[in-house]
C-alpha atoms as a PDB file:
ATOM      1  CA  MET A   1     110.699 121.432  94.738  1.00  0.00           C
ATOM      2  CA  LEU A   2     114.349 121.505  95.714  1.00  0.00           C
ATOM      3  CA  ILE A   3     115.703 122.921  98.933  1.00  0.00           C
ATOM      4  CA  HIS A   4     119.448 123.495  98.761  1.00  0.00           C
ATOM      5  CA  ARG A   5     121.689 122.848 101.721  1.00  0.00           C
ATOM      6  CA  SER A   6     125.401 123.143 102.275  1.00  0.00           C
ATOM      7  CA  LYS A   7     125.896 119.384 102.333  1.00  0.00           C
ATOM      8  CA  MET A   8     122.855 117.827 100.661  1.00  0.00           C
ATOM      9  CA  ILE A   9     119.498 118.462  98.974  1.00  0.00           C
ATOM     10  CA  TRP A  10     115.939 117.549  99.936  1.00  0.00           C
ATOM     11  CA  LYS A  11     114.567 116.313  96.661  1.00  0.00           C
ATOM     12  CA  ASN A  12     110.786 116.702  96.412  1.00  0.00           C
ATOM     13  CA  PRO A  13     109.949 116.682 100.141  1.00  0.00           C
ATOM     14  CA  LYS A  14     106.568 115.079 100.728  1.00  0.00           C
ATOM     15  CA  ILE A  15     103.819 117.506 101.632  1.00  0.00           C
ATOM     16  CA  GLU A  16     100.366 116.254 102.652  1.00  0.00           C
ATOM     17  CA  TYR A  17      97.321 118.466 103.007  1.00  0.00           C
ATOM     18  CA  ILE A  18      94.765 117.583 105.673  1.00  0.00           C
ATOM     19  CA  GLY A  19      92.007 120.173 105.390  1.00  0.00           C
ATOM     20  CA  ASP A  20      93.723 123.549 105.885  1.00  0.00           C
ATOM     21  CA  ILE A  21      96.809 121.969 107.492  1.00  0.00           C
ATOM     22  CA  ALA A  22      99.988 121.150 105.558  1.00  0.00           C
ATOM     23  CA  ILE A  23     102.301 118.413 106.825  1.00  0.00           C
ATOM     24  CA  ILE A  24     105.941 118.295 105.704  1.00  0.00           C
ATOM     25  CA  LYS A  25     107.644 114.904 105.619  1.00  0.00           C
ATOM     26  CA  VAL A  26     111.403 114.645 105.226  1.00  0.00           C
ATOM     27  CA  PRO A  27     113.807 111.873 106.319  1.00  0.00           C
ATOM     28  CA  PHE A  28     113.971 111.795 110.113  1.00  0.00           C
ATOM     29  CA  ASN A  29     117.777 111.787 110.048  1.00  0.00           C
ATOM     30  CA  ASP A  30     117.887 114.841 107.770  1.00  0.00           C
ATOM     31  CA  VAL A  31     116.028 117.575 109.662  1.00  0.00           C
ATOM     32  CA  ASN A  32     117.109 121.205 109.478  1.00  0.00           C
ATOM     33  CA  GLU A  33     114.838 123.432 111.579  1.00  0.00           C
ATOM     34  CA  GLU A  34     115.646 126.658 109.769  1.00  0.00           C
ATOM     35  CA  GLU A  35     114.953 125.242 106.320  1.00  0.00           C
ATOM     36  CA  LEU A  36     111.801 123.488 107.475  1.00  0.00           C
ATOM     37  CA  LYS A  37     110.431 126.825 108.680  1.00  0.00           C
ATOM     38  CA  LYS A  38     111.453 128.487 105.428  1.00  0.00           C
ATOM     39  CA  LEU A  39     109.597 125.833 103.457  1.00  0.00           C
ATOM     40  CA  ALA A  40     106.578 126.148 105.775  1.00  0.00           C
ATOM     41  CA  ASN A  41     106.334 129.880 105.087  1.00  0.00           C
ATOM     42  CA  GLU A  42     106.643 129.256 101.339  1.00  0.00           C
ATOM     43  CA  ILE A  43     103.720 126.822 101.580  1.00  0.00           C
ATOM     44  CA  LEU A  44     101.607 129.419 103.410  1.00  0.00           C
ATOM     45  CA  GLU A  45     102.454 132.072 100.825  1.00  0.00           C
ATOM     46  CA  LYS A  46     101.701 129.905  97.778  1.00  0.00           C
ATOM     47  CA  ASN A  47      98.623 128.052  99.112  1.00  0.00           C
ATOM     48  CA  LYS A  48      96.082 130.489 100.529  1.00  0.00           C
ATOM     49  CA  PHE A  49      93.844 127.665 101.799  1.00  0.00           C
ATOM     50  CA  VAL A  50      96.633 126.484 104.131  1.00  0.00           C
ATOM     51  CA  LYS A  51      96.415 128.037 107.602  1.00  0.00           C
ATOM     52  CA  SER A  52      98.862 125.896 109.595  1.00  0.00           C
ATOM     53  CA  VAL A  53     102.036 123.958 108.788  1.00  0.00           C
ATOM     54  CA  TRP A  54     103.557 121.095 110.792  1.00  0.00           C
ATOM     55  CA  HIS A  55     106.487 118.716 110.478  1.00  0.00           C
ATOM     56  CA  ALA A  56     105.872 114.967 110.870  1.00  0.00           C
ATOM     57  CA  ALA A  57     108.643 114.454 113.422  1.00  0.00           C
ATOM     58  CA  THR A  58     108.365 110.690 114.016  1.00  0.00           C
ATOM     59  CA  PRO A  59     106.934 107.606 112.315  1.00  0.00           C
ATOM     60  CA  VAL A  60     103.456 106.408 113.282  1.00  0.00           C
ATOM     61  CA  MET A  61     103.862 104.631 116.624  1.00  0.00           C
ATOM     62  CA  GLY A  62     102.027 102.357 119.065  1.00  0.00           C
ATOM     63  CA  GLU A  63      98.586 100.812 119.218  1.00  0.00           C
ATOM     64  CA  LEU A  64      96.969 104.273 119.145  1.00  0.00           C
ATOM     65  CA  LYS A  65      98.572 104.757 115.706  1.00  0.00           C
ATOM     66  CA  ILE A  66      99.744 108.348 116.193  1.00  0.00           C
ATOM     67  CA  ARG A  67     102.958 110.264 115.552  1.00  0.00           C
ATOM     68  CA  ASP A  68     104.659 113.363 116.960  1.00  0.00           C
ATOM     69  CA  TYR A  69     104.331 116.631 115.051  1.00  0.00           C
ATOM     70  CA  LYS A  70     106.326 119.848 115.404  1.00  0.00           C
ATOM     71  CA  TYR A  71     104.639 123.182 114.735  1.00  0.00           C
ATOM     72  CA  LEU A  72     106.333 125.279 112.034  1.00  0.00           C
ATOM     73  CA  ALA A  73     104.198 128.194 110.838  1.00  0.00           C
ATOM     74  CA  GLY A  74     100.744 129.756 110.598  1.00  0.00           C
ATOM     75  CA  GLU A  75      98.039 129.106 113.169  1.00  0.00           C
ATOM     76  CA  LYS A  76      99.238 126.905 116.008  1.00  0.00           C
ATOM     77  CA  ARG A  77      96.314 124.530 115.538  1.00  0.00           C
ATOM     78  CA  SER A  78      96.286 120.796 114.814  1.00  0.00           C
ATOM     79  CA  GLU A  79      92.508 120.294 114.451  1.00  0.00           C
ATOM     80  CA  THR A  80      90.849 120.705 111.072  1.00  0.00           C
ATOM     81  CA  ILE A  81      88.031 119.577 108.797  1.00  0.00           C
ATOM     82  CA  TYR A  82      89.189 117.153 106.109  1.00  0.00           C
ATOM     83  CA  LYS A  83      86.974 116.420 103.088  1.00  0.00           C
ATOM     84  CA  GLU A  84      87.082 113.210 101.088  1.00  0.00           C
ATOM     85  CA  HIS A  85      84.568 111.647  98.651  1.00  0.00           C
ATOM     86  CA  ASN A  86      81.880 114.179  99.625  1.00  0.00           C
ATOM     87  CA  CYS A  87      82.261 113.330 103.309  1.00  0.00           C
ATOM     88  CA  MET A  88      83.577 115.622 106.050  1.00  0.00           C
ATOM     89  CA  PHE A  89      85.856 114.538 108.875  1.00  0.00           C
ATOM     90  CA  LYS A  90      86.826 116.509 111.949  1.00  0.00           C
ATOM     91  CA  VAL A  91      90.297 115.366 113.038  1.00  0.00           C
ATOM     92  CA  ASP A  92      93.292 116.389 115.093  1.00  0.00           C
ATOM     93  CA  ILE A  93      96.482 115.279 113.361  1.00  0.00           C
ATOM     94  CA  LYS A  94      98.232 114.937 116.737  1.00  0.00           C
ATOM     95  CA  LYS A  95      95.558 112.633 118.164  1.00  0.00           C
ATOM     96  CA  VAL A  96      94.398 110.392 115.294  1.00  0.00           C
ATOM     97  CA  PHE A  97      96.012 108.777 112.274  1.00  0.00           C
ATOM     98  CA  ILE A  98      94.942 110.222 108.944  1.00  0.00           C
ATOM     99  CA  THR A  99      96.503 110.394 105.490  1.00  0.00           C
ATOM    100  CA  PRO A 100      95.030 111.397 102.116  1.00  0.00           C
ATOM    101  CA  ARG A 101      97.140 108.624 100.585  1.00  0.00           C
ATOM    102  CA  LEU A 102      94.393 106.182 101.596  1.00  0.00           C
ATOM    103  CA  SER A 103      91.723 108.085  99.667  1.00  0.00           C
ATOM    104  CA  TYR A 104      91.676 105.673  96.714  1.00  0.00           C
ATOM    105  CA  GLU A 105      91.522 102.673  99.043  1.00  0.00           C
ATOM    106  CA  HIS A 106      88.584 104.122 100.983  1.00  0.00           C
ATOM    107  CA  LEU A 107      86.602 104.406  97.747  1.00  0.00           C
ATOM    108  CA  ARG A 108      87.776 101.035  96.380  1.00  0.00           C
ATOM    109  CA  ILE A 109      86.446  99.201  99.416  1.00  0.00           C
ATOM    110  CA  ALA A 110      83.206 101.183  99.383  1.00  0.00           C
ATOM    111  CA  ASN A 111      82.681 100.149  95.761  1.00  0.00           C
ATOM    112  CA  LEU A 112      83.127  96.464  96.688  1.00  0.00           C
ATOM    113  CA  VAL A 113      80.434  96.598  99.390  1.00  0.00           C
ATOM    114  CA  LYS A 114      77.031  95.313  98.290  1.00  0.00           C
ATOM    115  CA  GLU A 115      73.724  96.764  99.402  1.00  0.00           C
ATOM    116  CA  GLY A 116      72.606  95.373 102.744  1.00  0.00           C
ATOM    117  CA  GLU A 117      76.017  94.042 103.823  1.00  0.00           C
ATOM    118  CA  ARG A 118      77.025  93.974 107.477  1.00  0.00           C
ATOM    119  CA  ILE A 119      80.519  95.423 107.912  1.00  0.00           C
ATOM    120  CA  ILE A 120      83.032  95.327 110.763  1.00  0.00           C
ATOM    121  CA  ASN A 121      85.880  97.844 110.716  1.00  0.00           C
ATOM    122  CA  MET A 122      88.280  96.518 113.349  1.00  0.00           C
ATOM    123  CA  PHE A 123      90.608  99.540 113.431  1.00  0.00           C
ATOM    124  CA  ALA A 124      88.398 102.445 112.434  1.00  0.00           C
ATOM    125  CA  GLY A 125      90.309 105.522 113.625  1.00  0.00           C
ATOM    126  CA  ALA A 126      88.215 108.666 113.123  1.00  0.00           C
ATOM    127  CA  GLY A 127      85.821 106.679 110.949  1.00  0.00           C
ATOM    128  CA  LEU A 128      86.882 107.367 107.359  1.00  0.00           C
ATOM    129  CA  PHE A 129      86.456 103.858 105.915  1.00  0.00           C
ATOM    130  CA  SER A 130      83.248 103.335 107.905  1.00  0.00           C
ATOM    131  CA  ILE A 131      81.560 106.607 106.989  1.00  0.00           C
ATOM    132  CA  ILE A 132      82.525 106.568 103.313  1.00  0.00           C
ATOM    133  CA  ILE A 133      81.106 103.033 103.057  1.00  0.00           C
ATOM    134  CA  ALA A 134      77.924 104.145 104.825  1.00  0.00           C
ATOM    135  CA  LYS A 135      77.464 107.104 102.471  1.00  0.00           C
ATOM    136  CA  LYS A 136      78.397 105.340  99.227  1.00  0.00           C
ATOM    137  CA  SER A 137      77.291 101.717  99.496  1.00  0.00           C
ATOM    138  CA  ASN A 138      74.010 101.412 101.435  1.00  0.00           C
ATOM    139  CA  PRO A 139      75.171  98.715 103.871  1.00  0.00           C
ATOM    140  CA  LYS A 140      72.867  97.441 106.609  1.00  0.00           C
ATOM    141  CA  VAL A 141      75.321  98.319 109.380  1.00  0.00           C
ATOM    142  CA  VAL A 142      78.977  99.247 109.869  1.00  0.00           C
ATOM    143  CA  HIS A 143      80.385  98.250 113.270  1.00  0.00           C
ATOM    144  CA  SER A 144      83.245 100.724 113.732  1.00  0.00           C
ATOM    145  CA  ILE A 145      85.828  99.907 116.440  1.00  0.00           C
ATOM    146  CA  ASP A 146      88.884 101.721 117.758  1.00  0.00           C
ATOM    147  CA  ILE A 147      90.957 101.552 120.936  1.00  0.00           C
ATOM    148  CA  ASN A 148      92.109 105.190 120.796  1.00  0.00           C
ATOM    149  CA  PRO A 149      89.764 107.358 122.945  1.00  0.00           C
ATOM    150  CA  ASP A 150      90.513 110.454 120.859  1.00  0.00           C
ATOM    151  CA  ALA A 151      89.808 108.604 117.607  1.00  0.00           C
ATOM    152  CA  TYR A 152      86.562 107.312 119.120  1.00  0.00           C
ATOM    153  CA  LYS A 153      85.535 110.852 120.109  1.00  0.00           C
ATOM    154  CA  TYR A 154      86.160 112.158 116.601  1.00  0.00           C
ATOM    155  CA  MET A 155      84.463 109.109 115.093  1.00  0.00           C
ATOM    156  CA  ILE A 156      81.272 109.940 117.009  1.00  0.00           C
ATOM    157  CA  GLU A 157      81.461 113.574 115.856  1.00  0.00           C
ATOM    158  CA  ASN A 158      82.023 112.481 112.261  1.00  0.00           C
ATOM    159  CA  ILE A 159      79.109 110.045 112.347  1.00  0.00           C
ATOM    160  CA  GLU A 160      76.884 112.975 113.383  1.00  0.00           C
ATOM    161  CA  LEU A 161      78.525 115.341 110.905  1.00  0.00           C
ATOM    162  CA  ASN A 162      77.835 112.983 107.987  1.00  0.00           C
ATOM    163  CA  LYS A 163      74.365 111.914 109.213  1.00  0.00           C
ATOM    164  CA  VAL A 164      75.071 108.176 109.257  1.00  0.00           C
ATOM    165  CA  LYS A 165      74.249 107.351 112.888  1.00  0.00           C
ATOM    166  CA  ASP A 166      71.518 104.957 111.672  1.00  0.00           C
ATOM    167  CA  ILE A 167      74.218 102.889 109.905  1.00  0.00           C
ATOM    168  CA  VAL A 168      77.593 103.344 111.662  1.00  0.00           C
ATOM    169  CA  VAL A 169      77.804 101.976 115.219  1.00  0.00           C
ATOM    170  CA  PRO A 170      80.904 103.183 117.149  1.00  0.00           C
ATOM    171  CA  TYR A 171      82.746 101.092 119.737  1.00  0.00           C
ATOM    172  CA  LEU A 172      85.607 102.081 122.039  1.00  0.00           C
ATOM    173  CA  GLY A 173      87.913  99.179 122.859  1.00  0.00           C
ATOM    174  CA  ASP A 174      90.126  96.380 121.600  1.00  0.00           C
ATOM    175  CA  ALA A 175      88.619  94.871 118.450  1.00  0.00           C
ATOM    176  CA  LYS A 176      89.182  91.287 119.569  1.00  0.00           C
ATOM    177  CA  GLU A 177      87.294  91.902 122.825  1.00  0.00           C
ATOM    178  CA  ILE A 178      84.432  93.763 121.137  1.00  0.00           C
ATOM    179  CA  ILE A 179      84.032  90.954 118.604  1.00  0.00           C
ATOM    180  CA  GLU A 180      84.133  88.165 121.186  1.00  0.00           C
ATOM    181  CA  GLU A 181      81.624  89.957 123.446  1.00  0.00           C
ATOM    182  CA  LYS A 182      79.207  91.374 120.868  1.00  0.00           C
ATOM    183  CA  LEU A 183      79.890  90.559 117.222  1.00  0.00           C
ATOM    184  CA  LEU A 184      80.474  86.817 116.721  1.00  0.00           C
ATOM    185  CA  ASP A 185      78.994  85.495 113.436  1.00  0.00           C
ATOM    186  CA  SER A 186      77.622  88.938 112.621  1.00  0.00           C
ATOM    187  CA  SER A 187      79.331  90.237 109.479  1.00  0.00           C
ATOM    188  CA  ASP A 188      79.658  89.799 105.730  1.00  0.00           C
ATOM    189  CA  ARG A 189      82.861  91.829 105.368  1.00  0.00           C
ATOM    190  CA  VAL A 190      85.690  92.726 107.768  1.00  0.00           C
ATOM    191  CA  LEU A 191      88.254  95.504 107.365  1.00  0.00           C
ATOM    192  CA  MET A 192      91.638  95.230 109.108  1.00  0.00           C
ATOM    193  CA  PRO A 193      93.431  98.505 108.234  1.00  0.00           C
ATOM    194  CA  LEU A 194      96.131  98.297 110.912  1.00  0.00           C
ATOM    195  CA  PRO A 195      99.193  96.509 109.491  1.00  0.00           C
ATOM    196  CA  ASP A 196     100.857  96.010 112.864  1.00  0.00           C
ATOM    197  CA  LYS A 197      97.955  93.883 114.124  1.00  0.00           C
ATOM    198  CA  ALA A 198      96.182  92.484 111.070  1.00  0.00           C
ATOM    199  CA  LEU A 199      97.764  89.011 111.056  1.00  0.00           C
ATOM    200  CA  ASP A 200      97.494  88.649 114.834  1.00  0.00           C
ATOM    201  CA  TYR A 201      93.776  89.481 114.697  1.00  0.00           C
ATOM    202  CA  VAL A 202      92.790  87.216 111.783  1.00  0.00           C
ATOM    203  CA  LYS A 203      91.301  84.735 114.271  1.00  0.00           C
ATOM    204  CA  TYR A 204      88.818  87.361 115.453  1.00  0.00           C
ATOM    205  CA  ALA A 205      87.995  88.527 111.940  1.00  0.00           C
ATOM    206  CA  ILE A 206      87.097  84.952 110.996  1.00  0.00           C
ATOM    207  CA  SER A 207      85.000  84.503 114.142  1.00  0.00           C
ATOM    208  CA  SER A 208      83.003  87.606 113.224  1.00  0.00           C
ATOM    209  CA  ILE A 209      82.106  86.317 109.740  1.00  0.00           C
ATOM    210  CA  ASP A 210      78.639  84.788 109.395  1.00  0.00           C
ATOM    211  CA  LYS A 211      79.234  81.535 107.437  1.00  0.00           C
ATOM    212  CA  MET A 212      80.934  83.293 104.505  1.00  0.00           C
ATOM    213  CA  GLY A 213      82.293  86.692 103.671  1.00  0.00           C
ATOM    214  CA  TYR A 214      85.284  88.863 102.857  1.00  0.00           C
ATOM    215  CA  ILE A 215      88.292  89.980 104.875  1.00  0.00           C
ATOM    216  CA  HIS A 216      90.585  92.834 103.818  1.00  0.00           C
ATOM    217  CA  LEU A 217      94.002  92.580 105.488  1.00  0.00           C
ATOM    218  CA  TYR A 218      96.410  95.511 105.376  1.00  0.00           C
ATOM    219  CA  LEU A 219     100.045  94.509 105.854  1.00  0.00           C
ATOM    220  CA  HIS A 220     103.463  96.146 105.900  1.00  0.00           C
ATOM    221  CA  VAL A 221     105.785  94.083 103.745  1.00  0.00           C
ATOM    222  CA  SER A 222     109.528  94.517 103.487  1.00  0.00           C
ATOM    223  CA  ALA A 223     110.667  93.187 100.110  1.00  0.00           C
ATOM    224  CA  ARG A 224     111.903  94.110  96.652  1.00  0.00           C
ATOM    225  CA  LYS A 225     109.408  95.777  94.317  1.00  0.00           C
ATOM    226  CA  ASP A 226     108.875  92.547  92.370  1.00  0.00           C
ATOM    227  CA  GLU A 227     108.336  90.440  95.494  1.00  0.00           C
ATOM    228  CA  TYR A 228     106.164  92.341  97.969  1.00  0.00           C
ATOM    229  CA  LEU A 229     102.773  91.175  96.655  1.00  0.00           C
ATOM    230  CA  SER A 230     103.727  87.498  96.639  1.00  0.00           C
ATOM    231  CA  LYS A 231     105.231  87.897 100.120  1.00  0.00           C
ATOM    232  CA  ALA A 232     102.027  89.504 101.408  1.00  0.00           C
ATOM    233  CA  GLU A 233      99.983  86.631  99.990  1.00  0.00           C
ATOM    234  CA  GLU A 234     102.290  84.044 101.548  1.00  0.00           C
ATOM    235  CA  LEU A 235     102.044  85.700 104.972  1.00  0.00           C
ATOM    236  CA  THR A 236      98.258  85.724 104.629  1.00  0.00           C
ATOM    237  CA  LYS A 237      98.062  82.078 103.549  1.00  0.00           C
ATOM    238  CA  LYS A 238     100.310  80.984 106.401  1.00  0.00           C
ATOM    239  CA  GLU A 239      97.924  82.550 108.910  1.00  0.00           C
ATOM    240  CA  LEU A 240      94.690  81.410 107.246  1.00  0.00           C
ATOM    241  CA  GLU A 241      95.871  77.800 107.116  1.00  0.00           C
ATOM    242  CA  LYS A 242      95.608  77.658 110.923  1.00  0.00           C
ATOM    243  CA  TYR A 243      91.804  77.784 110.853  1.00  0.00           C
ATOM    244  CA  ASN A 244      88.966  75.497 109.813  1.00  0.00           C
ATOM    245  CA  ILE A 245      87.939  77.501 106.778  1.00  0.00           C
ATOM    246  CA  THR A 246      87.939  77.418 103.007  1.00  0.00           C
ATOM    247  CA  TYR A 247      89.461  80.578 101.566  1.00  0.00           C
ATOM    248  CA  LYS A 248      90.537  82.190  98.326  1.00  0.00           C
ATOM    249  CA  ILE A 249      92.783  85.200  97.856  1.00  0.00           C
ATOM    250  CA  ILE A 250      90.920  87.230  95.268  1.00  0.00           C
ATOM    251  CA  ASN A 251      93.216  90.246  95.052  1.00  0.00           C
ATOM    252  CA  SER A 252      96.382  91.814  96.392  1.00  0.00           C
ATOM    253  CA  LYS A 253      97.647  95.289  95.599  1.00  0.00           C
ATOM    254  CA  GLU A 254      99.975  97.995  96.812  1.00  0.00           C
ATOM    255  CA  VAL A 255      98.256 100.655  98.881  1.00  0.00           C
ATOM    256  CA  ARG A 256     101.273 102.934  99.297  1.00  0.00           C
ATOM    257  CA  PRO A 257     105.034 102.871  99.795  1.00  0.00           C
ATOM    258  CA  VAL A 258     105.950 103.387 103.449  1.00  0.00           C
ATOM    259  CA  GLY A 259     109.754 103.483 103.314  1.00  0.00           C
ATOM    260  CA  PRO A 260     112.732 102.051 101.445  1.00  0.00           C
ATOM    261  CA  ARG A 261     111.646  98.552 100.350  1.00  0.00           C
ATOM    262  CA  LEU A 262     108.678  98.773 102.714  1.00  0.00           C
ATOM    263  CA  TYR A 263     105.168  98.719 101.289  1.00  0.00           C
ATOM    264  CA  GLN A 264     101.651  98.752 102.622  1.00  0.00           C
ATOM    265  CA  VAL A 265      99.719  96.021 100.840  1.00  0.00           C
ATOM    266  CA  VAL A 266      96.066  94.983 101.009  1.00  0.00           C
ATOM    267  CA  VAL A 267      95.090  91.345 100.564  1.00  0.00           C
ATOM    268  CA  ASP A 268      91.399  90.680  99.808  1.00  0.00           C
ATOM    269  CA  VAL A 269      90.240  87.237 100.921  1.00  0.00           C
ATOM    270  CA  TYR A 270      86.976  85.323 100.493  1.00  0.00           C
ATOM    271  CA  VAL A 271      86.270  83.014 103.432  1.00  0.00           C
ATOM    272  CA  GLU A 272      83.799  80.184 104.039  1.00  0.00           C
ATOM    273  CA  LYS A 273      83.542  78.568 107.454  1.00  0.00           C
ATOM    274  CA  ASN A 274      83.603  74.754 107.415  1.00  0.00           C
END
């Protein structure tokens, strides 16, 4: 899709669909209100399932992992039901972080989980990783932590909605504090899907592992296309070397591009405590 302007062209603007909400993403320094609204109305006309259209007005910001949105067209509503891998998630795009671009990663991790595993999700948001794992993989328990009160509220609703309250245990608070107070030596696998804090919280992920297990670190890496995986592994190794453990990096892969020469990468690590 091309939108012509007097001075430049938006080439294939990114449009994400969260339930019946469409989100338009264009460069933050290249925003034209009139043309955004024109595009929003085109989306409503061509996609009958879409009821509301918003513009992602800022990057994701802060420890609550949210961004600002600007209403463009349709119903002035930011709450919706989002479906993924036969699970349903009630979310408000203005209050919790969510993107369908993590759909493959949600399922990939669920497929790695073995029956009876104990999982800690350190940055759970509205509960997508946690609930998909609970529904797909038959774990013993998924400890699901987030510091955002709105994310926690939706997480509780989504646990009920997907009937996994016997498996997913929600916590409101800072993951490091929850682990130190309640979850030391309690897990077989730890998810760290918050790139801004993953490396800083490795210490707590390790302390939550019971003798041996897996840690999945999600990082933002600024590098050339041929270098970002090796850079992510080097950053991970540098942090892991600080601790009294034996470890092996078993996989690293791109999750999604985030910006020019900026990639989200996941590094899968096997850890044994010495």
